PDB file of N, CA and C in Angstrom:
ATOM      1  N   MET A   1       1.535  15.295  68.549  1.00  0.00           N
ATOM      2  CA  MET A   1       2.446  15.886  69.684  1.00  0.00           C
ATOM      3  C   MET A   1       3.847  16.246  69.219  1.00  0.00           C
ATOM      4  N   MET A   2       4.183  17.531  69.500  1.00  0.00           N
ATOM      5  CA  MET A   2       5.413  18.062  69.021  1.00  0.00           C
ATOM      6  C   MET A   2       6.612  17.622  69.910  1.00  0.00           C
ATOM      7  N   ASN A   3       7.747  17.228  69.212  1.00  0.00           N
ATOM      8  CA  ASN A   3       8.925  16.824  70.153  1.00  0.00           C
ATOM      9  C   ASN A   3       9.765  18.122  70.413  1.00  0.00           C
ATOM     10  N   PHE A   4      10.670  17.828  71.214  1.00  0.00           N
ATOM     11  CA  PHE A   4      11.474  18.773  71.761  1.00  0.00           C
ATOM     12  C   PHE A   4      12.080  19.744  70.644  1.00  0.00           C
ATOM     13  N   ASN A   5      12.531  19.238  69.569  1.00  0.00           N
ATOM     14  CA  ASN A   5      13.358  19.914  68.459  1.00  0.00           C
ATOM     15  C   ASN A   5      12.445  20.791  67.878  1.00  0.00           C
ATOM     16  N   ASN A   6      11.127  20.430  67.612  1.00  0.00           N
ATOM     17  CA  ASN A   6       9.994  21.439  66.914  1.00  0.00           C
ATOM     18  C   ASN A   6       9.729  22.410  67.812  1.00  0.00           C
ATOM     19  N   ILE A   7       9.577  22.244  69.227  1.00  0.00           N
ATOM     20  CA  ILE A   7       9.316  23.241  70.178  1.00  0.00           C
ATOM     21  C   ILE A   7      10.419  24.138  70.311  1.00  0.00           C
ATOM     22  N   LEU A   8      11.640  23.728  70.331  1.00  0.00           N
ATOM     23  CA  LEU A   8      12.830  24.776  70.215  1.00  0.00           C
ATOM     24  C   LEU A   8      12.886  25.564  69.018  1.00  0.00           C
ATOM     25  N   THR A   9      12.751  24.875  67.869  1.00  0.00           N
ATOM     26  CA  THR A   9      12.705  25.604  66.797  1.00  0.00           C
ATOM     27  C   THR A   9      11.638  26.719  66.679  1.00  0.00           C
ATOM     28  N   SER A  10      10.489  26.401  67.188  1.00  0.00           N
ATOM     29  CA  SER A  10       9.137  27.316  67.242  1.00  0.00           C
ATOM     30  C   SER A  10       9.738  28.521  68.065  1.00  0.00           C
ATOM     31  N   HIS A  11      10.256  28.182  69.228  1.00  0.00           N
ATOM     32  CA  HIS A  11      10.674  29.303  69.979  1.00  0.00           C
ATOM     33  C   HIS A  11      11.744  30.188  69.381  1.00  0.00           C
ATOM     34  N   ILE A  12      12.727  29.624  68.913  1.00  0.00           N
ATOM     35  CA  ILE A  12      13.746  30.358  68.230  1.00  0.00           C
ATOM     36  C   ILE A  12      13.151  31.186  67.084  1.00  0.00           C
ATOM     37  N   ASN A  13      12.312  30.658  66.216  1.00  0.00           N
ATOM     38  CA  ASN A  13      11.759  31.327  65.040  1.00  0.00           C
ATOM     39  C   ASN A  13      10.965  32.642  65.597  1.00  0.00           C
ATOM     40  N   ARG A  14      10.075  32.494  66.747  1.00  0.00           N
ATOM     41  CA  ARG A  14       9.323  33.507  67.313  1.00  0.00           C
ATOM     42  C   ARG A  14      10.220  34.570  67.856  1.00  0.00           C
ATOM     43  N   PHE A  15      11.403  34.170  68.466  1.00  0.00           N
ATOM     44  CA  PHE A  15      12.380  35.052  69.070  1.00  0.00           C
ATOM     45  C   PHE A  15      12.840  35.912  67.960  1.00  0.00           C
ATOM     46  N   TRP A  16      13.455  35.208  66.985  1.00  0.00           N
ATOM     47  CA  TRP A  16      14.053  36.096  65.897  1.00  0.00           C
ATOM     48  C   TRP A  16      13.053  36.964  65.017  1.00  0.00           C
ATOM     49  N   GLY A  17      11.901  36.558  64.976  1.00  0.00           N
ATOM     50  CA  GLY A  17      10.687  37.306  64.325  1.00  0.00           C
ATOM     51  C   GLY A  17      10.313  38.586  64.915  1.00  0.00           C
ATOM     52  N   ARG A  18      10.456  38.763  66.358  1.00  0.00           N
ATOM     53  CA  ARG A  18      10.005  39.731  67.120  1.00  0.00           C
ATOM     54  C   ARG A  18      11.088  40.902  67.072  1.00  0.00           C
ATOM     55  N   GLU A  19      10.667  42.112  67.040  1.00  0.00           N
ATOM     56  CA  GLU A  19      11.471  43.304  67.105  1.00  0.00           C
ATOM     57  C   GLU A  19      11.130  44.261  68.186  1.00  0.00           C
ATOM     58  N   ASP A  20      10.553  43.681  69.200  1.00  0.00           N
ATOM     59  CA  ASP A  20      10.106  44.506  70.454  1.00  0.00           C
ATOM     60  C   ASP A  20      11.421  45.163  71.091  1.00  0.00           C
ATOM     61  N   GLY A  21      12.450  44.306  71.277  1.00  0.00           N
ATOM     62  CA  GLY A  21      13.661  44.807  71.940  1.00  0.00           C
ATOM     63  C   GLY A  21      14.837  45.394  71.152  1.00  0.00           C
ATOM     64  N   ALA A  22      14.549  45.478  69.880  1.00  0.00           N
ATOM     65  CA  ALA A  22      15.676  45.858  68.909  1.00  0.00           C
ATOM     66  C   ALA A  22      16.053  47.276  69.173  1.00  0.00           C
ATOM     67  N   VAL A  23      15.204  48.179  69.448  1.00  0.00           N
ATOM     68  CA  VAL A  23      15.629  49.463  69.717  1.00  0.00           C
ATOM     69  C   VAL A  23      16.319  49.646  71.034  1.00  0.00           C
ATOM     70  N   THR A  24      16.010  48.832  71.932  1.00  0.00           N
ATOM     71  CA  THR A  24      16.709  48.864  73.260  1.00  0.00           C
ATOM     72  C   THR A  24      18.039  48.354  73.021  1.00  0.00           C
ATOM     73  N   VAL A  25      18.257  47.332  72.154  1.00  0.00           N
ATOM     74  CA  VAL A  25      19.539  46.676  72.005  1.00  0.00           C
ATOM     75  C   VAL A  25      20.374  47.621  71.228  1.00  0.00           C
ATOM     76  N   ASP A  26      19.921  48.513  70.375  1.00  0.00           N
ATOM     77  CA  ASP A  26      20.459  49.411  69.624  1.00  0.00           C
ATOM     78  C   ASP A  26      21.055  50.715  70.445  1.00  0.00           C
ATOM     79  N   TRP A  27      20.221  51.059  71.430  1.00  0.00           N
ATOM     80  CA  TRP A  27      20.692  52.139  72.270  1.00  0.00           C
ATOM     81  C   TRP A  27      21.737  51.613  73.200  1.00  0.00           C
ATOM     82  N   VAL A  28      21.780  50.213  73.770  1.00  0.00           N
ATOM     83  CA  VAL A  28      22.786  49.822  74.548  1.00  0.00           C
ATOM     84  C   VAL A  28      24.069  49.678  73.883  1.00  0.00           C
ATOM     85  N   VAL A  29      24.104  49.374  72.727  1.00  0.00           N
ATOM     86  CA  VAL A  29      25.343  49.311  71.780  1.00  0.00           C
ATOM     87  C   VAL A  29      25.735  50.633  71.606  1.00  0.00           C
ATOM     88  N   LEU A  30      25.044  51.606  71.173  1.00  0.00           N
ATOM     89  CA  LEU A  30      25.428  53.074  70.911  1.00  0.00           C
ATOM     90  C   LEU A  30      25.926  53.466  72.191  1.00  0.00           C
ATOM     91  N   THR A  31      25.256  53.416  73.272  1.00  0.00           N
ATOM     92  CA  THR A  31      25.805  53.964  74.546  1.00  0.00           C
ATOM     93  C   THR A  31      27.083  53.512  75.017  1.00  0.00           C
ATOM     94  N   ALA A  32      27.292  52.084  74.918  1.00  0.00           N
ATOM     95  CA  ALA A  32      28.517  51.482  75.127  1.00  0.00           C
ATOM     96  C   ALA A  32      29.597  51.850  74.245  1.00  0.00           C
ATOM     97  N   ALA A  33      29.249  52.317  73.034  1.00  0.00           N
ATOM     98  CA  ALA A  33      30.269  52.761  71.953  1.00  0.00           C
ATOM     99  C   ALA A  33      30.849  54.142  72.434  1.00  0.00           C
ATOM    100  N   VAL A  34      29.678  55.087  72.807  1.00  0.00           N
ATOM    101  CA  VAL A  34      30.075  56.357  73.213  1.00  0.00           C
ATOM    102  C   VAL A  34      30.853  56.566  74.511  1.00  0.00           C
ATOM    103  N   VAL A  35      30.538  55.541  75.524  1.00  0.00           N
ATOM    104  CA  VAL A  35      31.286  55.437  76.685  1.00  0.00           C
ATOM    105  C   VAL A  35      32.620  55.000  76.397  1.00  0.00           C
ATOM    106  N   GLY A  36      32.911  53.994  75.575  1.00  0.00           N
ATOM    107  CA  GLY A  36      34.155  53.385  75.300  1.00  0.00           C
ATOM    108  C   GLY A  36      34.996  54.488  74.687  1.00  0.00           C
ATOM    109  N   MET A  37      34.440  55.293  73.677  1.00  0.00           N
ATOM    110  CA  MET A  37      35.302  56.425  73.079  1.00  0.00           C
ATOM    111  C   MET A  37      35.787  57.437  73.965  1.00  0.00           C
ATOM    112  N   ALA A  38      34.610  57.696  74.972  1.00  0.00           N
ATOM    113  CA  ALA A  38      34.963  58.772  75.913  1.00  0.00           C
ATOM    114  C   ALA A  38      36.217  58.324  76.934  1.00  0.00           C
ATOM    115  N   MET A  39      36.164  56.961  77.298  1.00  0.00           N
ATOM    116  CA  MET A  39      37.258  56.592  78.114  1.00  0.00           C
ATOM    117  C   MET A  39      38.578  56.611  77.338  1.00  0.00           C
ATOM    118  N   ILE A  40      38.657  56.253  76.172  1.00  0.00           N
ATOM    119  CA  ILE A  40      39.744  56.320  75.258  1.00  0.00           C
ATOM    120  C   ILE A  40      40.440  57.787  75.162  1.00  0.00           C
ATOM    121  N   ILE A  41      39.395  58.672  74.939  1.00  0.00           N
ATOM    122  CA  ILE A  41      39.909  60.145  74.896  1.00  0.00           C
ATOM    123  C   ILE A  41      40.425  60.530  76.241  1.00  0.00           C
ATOM    124  N   VAL A  42      39.633  60.195  77.381  1.00  0.00           N
ATOM    125  CA  VAL A  42      40.151  60.637  78.620  1.00  0.00           C
ATOM    126  C   VAL A  42      41.622  60.017  78.906  1.00  0.00           C
ATOM    127  N   ASN A  43      41.736  58.789  78.503  1.00  0.00           N
ATOM    128  CA  ASN A  43      43.186  58.162  78.661  1.00  0.00           C
ATOM    129  C   ASN A  43      44.181  58.835  77.945  1.00  0.00           C
ATOM    130  N   ILE A  44      43.829  59.236  76.648  1.00  0.00           N
ATOM    131  CA  ILE A  44      44.845  59.957  75.870  1.00  0.00           C
ATOM    132  C   ILE A  44      45.088  61.413  76.416  1.00  0.00           C
ATOM    133  N   LEU A  45      44.147  62.138  76.945  1.00  0.00           N
ATOM    134  CA  LEU A  45      44.300  63.434  77.267  1.00  0.00           C
ATOM    135  C   LEU A  45      44.684  63.569  78.674  1.00  0.00           C
ATOM    136  N   GLN A  46      44.594  62.600  79.553  1.00  0.00           N
ATOM    137  CA  GLN A  46      44.698  62.571  81.007  1.00  0.00           C
ATOM    138  C   GLN A  46      46.131  63.289  81.291  1.00  0.00           C
ATOM    139  N   PRO A  47      47.175  62.715  80.867  1.00  0.00           N
ATOM    140  CA  PRO A  47      48.699  63.460  81.292  1.00  0.00           C
ATOM    141  C   PRO A  47      48.574  64.802  80.970  1.00  0.00           C
ATOM    142  N   ALA A  48      48.186  65.343  79.897  1.00  0.00           N
ATOM    143  CA  ALA A  48      48.178  66.676  79.569  1.00  0.00           C
ATOM    144  C   ALA A  48      47.143  67.547  80.446  1.00  0.00           C
ATOM    145  N   LEU A  49      46.067  66.919  80.719  1.00  0.00           N
ATOM    146  CA  LEU A  49      45.051  67.710  81.521  1.00  0.00           C
ATOM    147  C   LEU A  49      45.592  67.961  82.974  1.00  0.00           C
ATOM    148  N   PHE A  50      46.125  66.797  83.457  1.00  0.00           N
ATOM    149  CA  PHE A  50      46.485  66.703  85.054  1.00  0.00           C
ATOM    150  C   PHE A  50      47.882  67.485  85.186  1.00  0.00           C
ATOM    151  N   ASP A  51      48.722  67.167  84.354  1.00  0.00           N
ATOM    152  CA  ASP A  51      50.108  67.782  84.509  1.00  0.00           C
ATOM    153  C   ASP A  51      50.011  69.262  84.578  1.00  0.00           C
ATOM    154  N   ASN A  52      49.340  69.887  83.297  1.00  0.00           N
ATOM    155  CA  ASN A  52      49.191  71.168  83.253  1.00  0.00           C
ATOM    156  C   ASN A  52      48.430  71.878  84.343  1.00  0.00           C
ATOM    157  N   GLY A  53      47.362  71.200  84.534  1.00  0.00           N
ATOM    158  CA  GLY A  53      46.432  71.609  85.656  1.00  0.00           C
ATOM    159  C   GLY A  53      47.096  71.803  86.912  1.00  0.00           C
ATOM    160  N   GLY A  54      47.900  70.846  87.364  1.00  0.00           N
ATOM    161  CA  GLY A  54      48.437  70.732  88.652  1.00  0.00           C
ATOM    162  C   GLY A  54      49.600  71.830  88.753  1.00  0.00           C
ATOM    163  N   SER A  55      50.270  72.228  87.635  1.00  0.00           N
ATOM    164  CA  SER A  55      51.242  73.243  87.764  1.00  0.00           C
ATOM    165  C   SER A  55      50.674  74.537  87.807  1.00  0.00           C
ATOM    166  N   ALA A  56      49.453  74.757  86.980  1.00  0.00           N
ATOM    167  CA  ALA A  56      48.745  76.038  87.120  1.00  0.00           C
ATOM    168  C   ALA A  56      48.050  76.317  88.444  1.00  0.00           C
ATOM    169  N   ILE A  57      47.673  75.240  89.009  1.00  0.00           N
ATOM    170  CA  ILE A  57      47.118  75.431  90.394  1.00  0.00           C
ATOM    171  C   ILE A  57      48.190  75.782  91.379  1.00  0.00           C
ATOM    172  N   ALA A  58      49.332  74.956  91.346  1.00  0.00           N
ATOM    173  CA  ALA A  58      50.523  75.389  92.217  1.00  0.00           C
ATOM    174  C   ALA A  58      51.042  76.735  91.884  1.00  0.00           C
ATOM    175  N   SER A  59      50.963  77.096  90.813  1.00  0.00           N
ATOM    176  CA  SER A  59      51.431  78.757  90.593  1.00  0.00           C
ATOM    177  C   SER A  59      50.406  79.727  91.126  1.00  0.00           C
ATOM    178  N   TYR A  60      49.051  79.347  91.045  1.00  0.00           N
ATOM    179  CA  TYR A  60      48.230  80.268  91.598  1.00  0.00           C
ATOM    180  C   TYR A  60      48.191  80.202  93.224  1.00  0.00           C
ATOM    181  N   VAL A  61      48.477  79.087  93.789  1.00  0.00           N
ATOM    182  CA  VAL A  61      48.506  78.984  95.109  1.00  0.00           C
ATOM    183  C   VAL A  61      49.834  79.770  95.750  1.00  0.00           C
ATOM    184  N   ALA A  62      50.965  79.634  94.966  1.00  0.00           N
ATOM    185  CA  ALA A  62      52.321  80.320  95.317  1.00  0.00           C
ATOM    186  C   ALA A  62      52.025  81.812  95.176  1.00  0.00           C
ATOM    187  N   GLU A  63      51.240  82.202  94.181  1.00  0.00           N
ATOM    188  CA  GLU A  63      50.950  83.730  94.104  1.00  0.00           C
ATOM    189  C   GLU A  63      50.153  84.208  95.163  1.00  0.00           C
ATOM    190  N   ALA A  64      49.016  83.352  95.588  1.00  0.00           N
ATOM    191  CA  ALA A  64      48.208  83.679  96.673  1.00  0.00           C
ATOM    192  C   ALA A  64      48.926  83.833  98.095  1.00  0.00           C
ATOM    193  N   ALA A  65      49.838  82.830  98.126  1.00  0.00           N
ATOM    194  CA  ALA A  65      50.620  82.863  99.478  1.00  0.00           C
ATOM    195  C   ALA A  65      51.570  83.967  99.569  1.00  0.00           C
ATOM    196  N   GLN A  66      51.958  84.625  98.472  1.00  0.00           N
ATOM    197  CA  GLN A  66      52.946  85.784  98.584  1.00  0.00           C
ATOM    198  C   GLN A  66      52.338  87.043  98.813  1.00  0.00           C
ATOM    199  N   ARG A  67      50.949  87.122  98.767  1.00  0.00           N
ATOM    200  CA  ARG A  67      50.205  88.277  99.017  1.00  0.00           C
ATOM    201  C   ARG A  67      50.049  88.654 100.323  1.00  0.00           C
TER     202      ARG A  67
END
């Protein structure tokens, strides 16, 4: 009869030996890295995008109001 330690060791060895979910884990890690980099880029570019965009929209609205 196997004791708890042997059963646990057996389960751990089977878990580490399987590669069924390895591709899924790779995709999750890669996707998280891409999303993280996109968030960093948006944070860096946000002031330039929204400040310049807001003034451009305001000038277009002002020109349209004068017509």
